[in-house]
Amino acid sequence: MVIYTILADLKVRCCSNTTEIHFLRFWEARNVRKAGELMSLDMLLIDENVNISFPINTVDD
């Protein structure tokens, strides 16, 4: 049986639970029709059994 909670349903409060997420950027390109606007396809992975974390890199225009 899979038990899950949608991210929008998570509430900020004092508790002993931790959520571990990984954010992946699969694809990145500039839209030439919209003045070089940055476009990307992102994926958020959540795993309750993960015990390591990776840094999230950001793209600055």
PDB file of N, CA and C in Angstrom:
ATOM      1  N   MET A   1       0.844  -1.182   0.000  1.00  0.00           N
ATOM      2  CA  MET A   1       0.000   0.000   0.000  1.00  0.00           C
ATOM      3  C   MET A   1       0.888   1.243   0.000  1.00  0.00           C
ATOM      4  N   VAL A   2       0.621   2.156  -0.916  1.00  0.00           N
ATOM      5  CA  VAL A   2       1.393   3.390  -1.021  1.00  0.00           C
ATOM      6  C   VAL A   2       0.668   4.498  -0.277  1.00  0.00           C
ATOM      7  N   ILE A   3       1.387   5.154   0.632  1.00  0.00           N
ATOM      8  CA  ILE A   3       0.838   6.298   1.362  1.00  0.00           C
ATOM      9  C   ILE A   3       1.598   7.526   0.901  1.00  0.00           C
ATOM     10  N   TYR A   4       0.887   8.561   0.479  1.00  0.00           N
ATOM     11  CA  TYR A   4       1.546   9.766  -0.004  1.00  0.00           C
ATOM     12  C   TYR A   4       0.747  11.007   0.362  1.00  0.00           C
ATOM     13  N   THR A   5       1.406  12.151   0.284  1.00  0.00           N
ATOM     14  CA  THR A   5       0.779  13.446   0.502  1.00  0.00           C
ATOM     15  C   THR A   5       1.205  14.367  -0.626  1.00  0.00           C
ATOM     16  N   ILE A   6       0.271  15.049  -1.225  1.00  0.00           N
ATOM     17  CA  ILE A   6       0.571  16.012  -2.280  1.00  0.00           C
ATOM     18  C   ILE A   6       1.274  17.211  -1.653  1.00  0.00           C
ATOM     19  N   LEU A   7       2.291  17.771  -2.357  1.00  0.00           N
ATOM     20  CA  LEU A   7       3.057  18.893  -1.807  1.00  0.00           C
ATOM     21  C   LEU A   7       2.170  20.055  -1.390  1.00  0.00           C
ATOM     22  N   ALA A   8       1.133  20.348  -2.158  1.00  0.00           N
ATOM     23  CA  ALA A   8       0.238  21.457  -1.828  1.00  0.00           C
ATOM     24  C   ALA A   8      -0.489  21.230  -0.502  1.00  0.00           C
ATOM     25  N   ASP A   9      -0.614  19.976  -0.074  1.00  0.00           N
ATOM     26  CA  ASP A   9      -1.307  19.658   1.175  1.00  0.00           C
ATOM     27  C   ASP A   9      -0.400  19.672   2.405  1.00  0.00           C
ATOM     28  N   LEU A  10       0.912  19.826   2.210  1.00  0.00           N
ATOM     29  CA  LEU A  10       1.831  19.873   3.349  1.00  0.00           C
ATOM     30  C   LEU A  10       1.661  21.178   4.115  1.00  0.00           C
ATOM     31  N   LYS A  11       1.671  21.109   5.407  1.00  0.00           N
ATOM     32  CA  LYS A  11       1.533  22.282   6.268  1.00  0.00           C
ATOM     33  C   LYS A  11       2.824  22.479   7.055  1.00  0.00           C
ATOM     34  N   VAL A  12       3.181  23.745   7.288  1.00  0.00           N
ATOM     35  CA  VAL A  12       4.362  24.054   8.094  1.00  0.00           C
ATOM     36  C   VAL A  12       3.939  24.032   9.558  1.00  0.00           C
ATOM     37  N   ARG A  13       4.565  23.161  10.322  1.00  0.00           N
ATOM     38  CA  ARG A  13       4.278  23.071  11.756  1.00  0.00           C
ATOM     39  C   ARG A  13       5.415  22.306  12.424  1.00  0.00           C
ATOM     40  N   CYS A  14       5.442  22.353  13.715  1.00  0.00           N
ATOM     41  CA  CYS A  14       6.471  21.658  14.475  1.00  0.00           C
ATOM     42  C   CYS A  14       6.124  20.169  14.528  1.00  0.00           C
ATOM     43  N   CYS A  15       7.009  19.354  13.981  1.00  0.00           N
ATOM     44  CA  CYS A  15       6.786  17.910  14.011  1.00  0.00           C
ATOM     45  C   CYS A  15       8.125  17.196  13.863  1.00  0.00           C
ATOM     46  N   SER A  16       8.113  15.897  13.972  1.00  0.00           N
ATOM     47  CA  SER A  16       9.357  15.131  13.878  1.00  0.00           C
ATOM     48  C   SER A  16       9.564  14.519  12.493  1.00  0.00           C
ATOM     49  N   ASN A  17       8.673  14.790  11.543  1.00  0.00           N
ATOM     50  CA  ASN A  17       8.796  14.226  10.195  1.00  0.00           C
ATOM     51  C   ASN A  17       9.646  15.120   9.303  1.00  0.00           C
ATOM     52  N   THR A  18      10.352  14.499   8.363  1.00  0.00           N
ATOM     53  CA  THR A  18      11.191  15.219   7.409  1.00  0.00           C
ATOM     54  C   THR A  18      10.817  14.780   6.002  1.00  0.00           C
ATOM     55  N   THR A  19      10.792  15.733   5.074  1.00  0.00           N
ATOM     56  CA  THR A  19      10.545  15.422   3.667  1.00  0.00           C
ATOM     57  C   THR A  19      11.834  15.595   2.901  1.00  0.00           C
ATOM     58  N   GLU A  20      12.251  14.581   2.185  1.00  0.00           N
ATOM     59  CA  GLU A  20      13.478  14.618   1.384  1.00  0.00           C
ATOM     60  C   GLU A  20      13.075  14.709  -0.079  1.00  0.00           C
ATOM     61  N   ILE A  21      13.564  15.746  -0.783  1.00  0.00           N
ATOM     62  CA  ILE A  21      13.221  15.912  -2.193  1.00  0.00           C
ATOM     63  C   ILE A  21      14.485  16.071  -3.028  1.00  0.00           C
ATOM     64  N   HIS A  22      14.378  15.754  -4.298  1.00  0.00           N
ATOM     65  CA  HIS A  22      15.442  15.980  -5.278  1.00  0.00           C
ATOM     66  C   HIS A  22      14.821  16.717  -6.448  1.00  0.00           C
ATOM     67  N   PHE A  23      15.460  17.780  -6.867  1.00  0.00           N
ATOM     68  CA  PHE A  23      14.961  18.612  -7.954  1.00  0.00           C
ATOM     69  C   PHE A  23      15.899  18.447  -9.139  1.00  0.00           C
ATOM     70  N   LEU A  24      15.381  17.998 -10.277  1.00  0.00           N
ATOM     71  CA  LEU A  24      16.200  17.751 -11.461  1.00  0.00           C
ATOM     72  C   LEU A  24      15.777  18.681 -12.592  1.00  0.00           C
ATOM     73  N   ARG A  25      16.737  19.273 -13.274  1.00  0.00           N
ATOM     74  CA  ARG A  25      16.453  20.065 -14.472  1.00  0.00           C
ATOM     75  C   ARG A  25      16.877  19.228 -15.668  1.00  0.00           C
ATOM     76  N   PHE A  26      15.893  18.785 -16.452  1.00  0.00           N
ATOM     77  CA  PHE A  26      16.155  17.903 -17.580  1.00  0.00           C
ATOM     78  C   PHE A  26      16.542  18.638 -18.855  1.00  0.00           C
ATOM     79  N   TRP A  27      16.045  19.847 -19.003  1.00  0.00           N
ATOM     80  CA  TRP A  27      16.130  20.478 -20.308  1.00  0.00           C
ATOM     81  C   TRP A  27      16.140  21.977 -20.104  1.00  0.00           C
ATOM     82  N   GLU A  28      16.911  22.676 -20.896  1.00  0.00           N
ATOM     83  CA  GLU A  28      17.000  24.127 -20.756  1.00  0.00           C
ATOM     84  C   GLU A  28      17.273  24.737 -22.125  1.00  0.00           C
ATOM     85  N   ALA A  29      16.547  25.809 -22.465  1.00  0.00           N
ATOM     86  CA  ALA A  29      16.734  26.476 -23.759  1.00  0.00           C
ATOM     87  C   ALA A  29      16.211  27.902 -23.665  1.00  0.00           C
ATOM     88  N   ARG A  30      16.629  28.732 -24.584  1.00  0.00           N
ATOM     89  CA  ARG A  30      16.144  30.113 -24.690  1.00  0.00           C
ATOM     90  C   ARG A  30      15.081  30.181 -25.788  1.00  0.00           C
ATOM     91  N   ASN A  31      13.979  30.870 -25.510  1.00  0.00           N
ATOM     92  CA  ASN A  31      12.902  31.057 -26.473  1.00  0.00           C
ATOM     93  C   ASN A  31      13.205  32.301 -27.301  1.00  0.00           C
ATOM     94  N   VAL A  32      13.605  32.117 -28.562  1.00  0.00           N
ATOM     95  CA  VAL A  32      13.984  33.251 -29.410  1.00  0.00           C
ATOM     96  C   VAL A  32      12.791  34.119 -29.783  1.00  0.00           C
ATOM     97  N   ARG A  33      11.586  33.602 -29.711  1.00  0.00           N
ATOM     98  CA  ARG A  33      10.379  34.375 -30.032  1.00  0.00           C
ATOM     99  C   ARG A  33       9.934  35.268 -28.877  1.00  0.00           C
ATOM    100  N   LYS A  34      10.461  35.035 -27.683  1.00  0.00           N
ATOM    101  CA  LYS A  34      10.079  35.830 -26.507  1.00  0.00           C
ATOM    102  C   LYS A  34      11.309  36.456 -25.875  1.00  0.00           C
ATOM    103  N   ALA A  35      12.110  37.131 -26.678  1.00  0.00           N
ATOM    104  CA  ALA A  35      13.278  37.896 -26.213  1.00  0.00           C
ATOM    105  C   ALA A  35      14.257  37.047 -25.400  1.00  0.00           C
ATOM    106  N   GLY A  36      14.448  35.810 -25.796  1.00  0.00           N
ATOM    107  CA  GLY A  36      15.421  34.956 -25.116  1.00  0.00           C
ATOM    108  C   GLY A  36      14.986  34.451 -23.755  1.00  0.00           C
ATOM    109  N   GLU A  37      13.678  34.405 -23.500  1.00  0.00           N
ATOM    110  CA  GLU A  37      13.152  33.913 -22.216  1.00  0.00           C
ATOM    111  C   GLU A  37      13.640  32.487 -21.958  1.00  0.00           C
ATOM    112  N   LEU A  38      14.099  32.228 -20.728  1.00  0.00           N
ATOM    113  CA  LEU A  38      14.604  30.906 -20.355  1.00  0.00           C
ATOM    114  C   LEU A  38      13.444  29.934 -20.164  1.00  0.00           C
ATOM    115  N   MET A  39      13.527  28.780 -20.828  1.00  0.00           N
ATOM    116  CA  MET A  39      12.518  27.729 -20.694  1.00  0.00           C
ATOM    117  C   MET A  39      13.214  26.485 -20.161  1.00  0.00           C
ATOM    118  N   SER A  40      12.520  25.709 -19.349  1.00  0.00           N
ATOM    119  CA  SER A  40      13.111  24.468 -18.854  1.00  0.00           C
ATOM    120  C   SER A  40      12.022  23.480 -18.474  1.00  0.00           C
ATOM    121  N   LEU A  41      12.404  22.223 -18.402  1.00  0.00           N
ATOM    122  CA  LEU A  41      11.524  21.166 -17.942  1.00  0.00           C
ATOM    123  C   LEU A  41      12.120  20.636 -16.646  1.00  0.00           C
ATOM    124  N   ASP A  42      11.385  20.772 -15.556  1.00  0.00           N
ATOM    125  CA  ASP A  42      11.887  20.392 -14.236  1.00  0.00           C
ATOM    126  C   ASP A  42      11.095  19.213 -13.690  1.00  0.00           C
ATOM    127  N   MET A  43      11.734  18.433 -12.830  1.00  0.00           N
ATOM    128  CA  MET A  43      11.072  17.311 -12.182  1.00  0.00           C
ATOM    129  C   MET A  43      11.447  17.301 -10.708  1.00  0.00           C
ATOM    130  N   LEU A  44      10.470  17.085  -9.857  1.00  0.00           N
ATOM    131  CA  LEU A  44      10.681  17.021  -8.421  1.00  0.00           C
ATOM    132  C   LEU A  44      10.462  15.583  -7.971  1.00  0.00           C
ATOM    133  N   LEU A  45      11.493  14.969  -7.391  1.00  0.00           N
ATOM    134  CA  LEU A  45      11.411  13.585  -6.921  1.00  0.00           C
ATOM    135  C   LEU A  45      11.387  13.563  -5.396  1.00  0.00           C
ATOM    136  N   ILE A  46      10.463  12.830  -4.844  1.00  0.00           N
ATOM    137  CA  ILE A  46      10.350  12.718  -3.390  1.00  0.00           C
ATOM    138  C   ILE A  46      10.467  11.244  -3.019  1.00  0.00           C
ATOM    139  N   ASP A  47      11.358  10.954  -2.087  1.00  0.00           N
ATOM    140  CA  ASP A  47      11.594   9.571  -1.685  1.00  0.00           C
ATOM    141  C   ASP A  47      11.714   9.512  -0.169  1.00  0.00           C
ATOM    142  N   GLU A  48      10.814   8.804   0.481  1.00  0.00           N
ATOM    143  CA  GLU A  48      10.833   8.736   1.941  1.00  0.00           C
ATOM    144  C   GLU A  48      11.992   7.913   2.475  1.00  0.00           C
ATOM    145  N   ASN A  49      12.633   7.101   1.637  1.00  0.00           N
ATOM    146  CA  ASN A  49      13.721   6.247   2.091  1.00  0.00           C
ATOM    147  C   ASN A  49      15.105   6.796   1.786  1.00  0.00           C
ATOM    148  N   VAL A  50      15.192   7.961   1.205  1.00  0.00           N
ATOM    149  CA  VAL A  50      16.484   8.558   0.835  1.00  0.00           C
ATOM    150  C   VAL A  50      17.198   9.063   2.079  1.00  0.00           C
ATOM    151  N   ASN A  51      18.512   8.879   2.138  1.00  0.00           N
ATOM    152  CA  ASN A  51      19.260   9.365   3.294  1.00  0.00           C
ATOM    153  C   ASN A  51      20.445  10.242   2.895  1.00  0.00           C
ATOM    154  N   ILE A  52      20.525  10.659   1.618  1.00  0.00           N
ATOM    155  CA  ILE A  52      21.549  11.607   1.191  1.00  0.00           C
ATOM    156  C   ILE A  52      20.873  12.747   0.449  1.00  0.00           C
ATOM    157  N   SER A  53      21.491  13.907   0.432  1.00  0.00           N
ATOM    158  CA  SER A  53      20.899  15.037  -0.271  1.00  0.00           C
ATOM    159  C   SER A  53      21.911  15.637  -1.231  1.00  0.00           C
ATOM    160  N   PHE A  54      21.414  16.236  -2.295  1.00  0.00           N
ATOM    161  CA  PHE A  54      22.246  16.836  -3.321  1.00  0.00           C
ATOM    162  C   PHE A  54      21.971  18.331  -3.382  1.00  0.00           C
ATOM    163  N   PRO A  55      22.983  19.156  -3.675  1.00  0.00           N
ATOM    164  CA  PRO A  55      22.739  20.596  -3.795  1.00  0.00           C
ATOM    165  C   PRO A  55      21.894  20.904  -5.021  1.00  0.00           C
ATOM    166  N   ILE A  56      21.104  21.956  -4.931  1.00  0.00           N
ATOM    167  CA  ILE A  56      20.294  22.414  -6.055  1.00  0.00           C
ATOM    168  C   ILE A  56      21.011  23.585  -6.698  1.00  0.00           C
ATOM    169  N   ASN A  57      21.332  23.468  -7.986  1.00  0.00           N
ATOM    170  CA  ASN A  57      21.978  24.551  -8.715  1.00  0.00           C
ATOM    171  C   ASN A  57      20.914  25.447  -9.325  1.00  0.00           C
ATOM    172  N   THR A  58      21.161  26.749  -9.338  1.00  0.00           N
ATOM    173  CA  THR A  58      20.215  27.690  -9.912  1.00  0.00           C
ATOM    174  C   THR A  58      20.820  28.350 -11.134  1.00  0.00           C
ATOM    175  N   VAL A  59      19.964  28.796 -12.044  1.00  0.00           N
ATOM    176  CA  VAL A  59      20.396  29.488 -13.254  1.00  0.00           C
ATOM    177  C   VAL A  59      20.063  30.956 -13.095  1.00  0.00           C
ATOM    178  N   ASP A  60      21.057  31.815 -13.227  1.00  0.00           N
ATOM    179  CA  ASP A  60      20.844  33.251 -13.136  1.00  0.00           C
ATOM    180  C   ASP A  60      20.937  33.852 -14.525  1.00  0.00           C
ATOM    181  N   ASP A  61      19.959  34.692 -14.872  1.00  0.00           N
ATOM    182  CA  ASP A  61      19.999  35.379 -16.173  1.00  0.00           C
ATOM    183  C   ASP A  61      20.950  36.543 -16.128  1.00  0.00           C
TER     184      ASP A  61
END
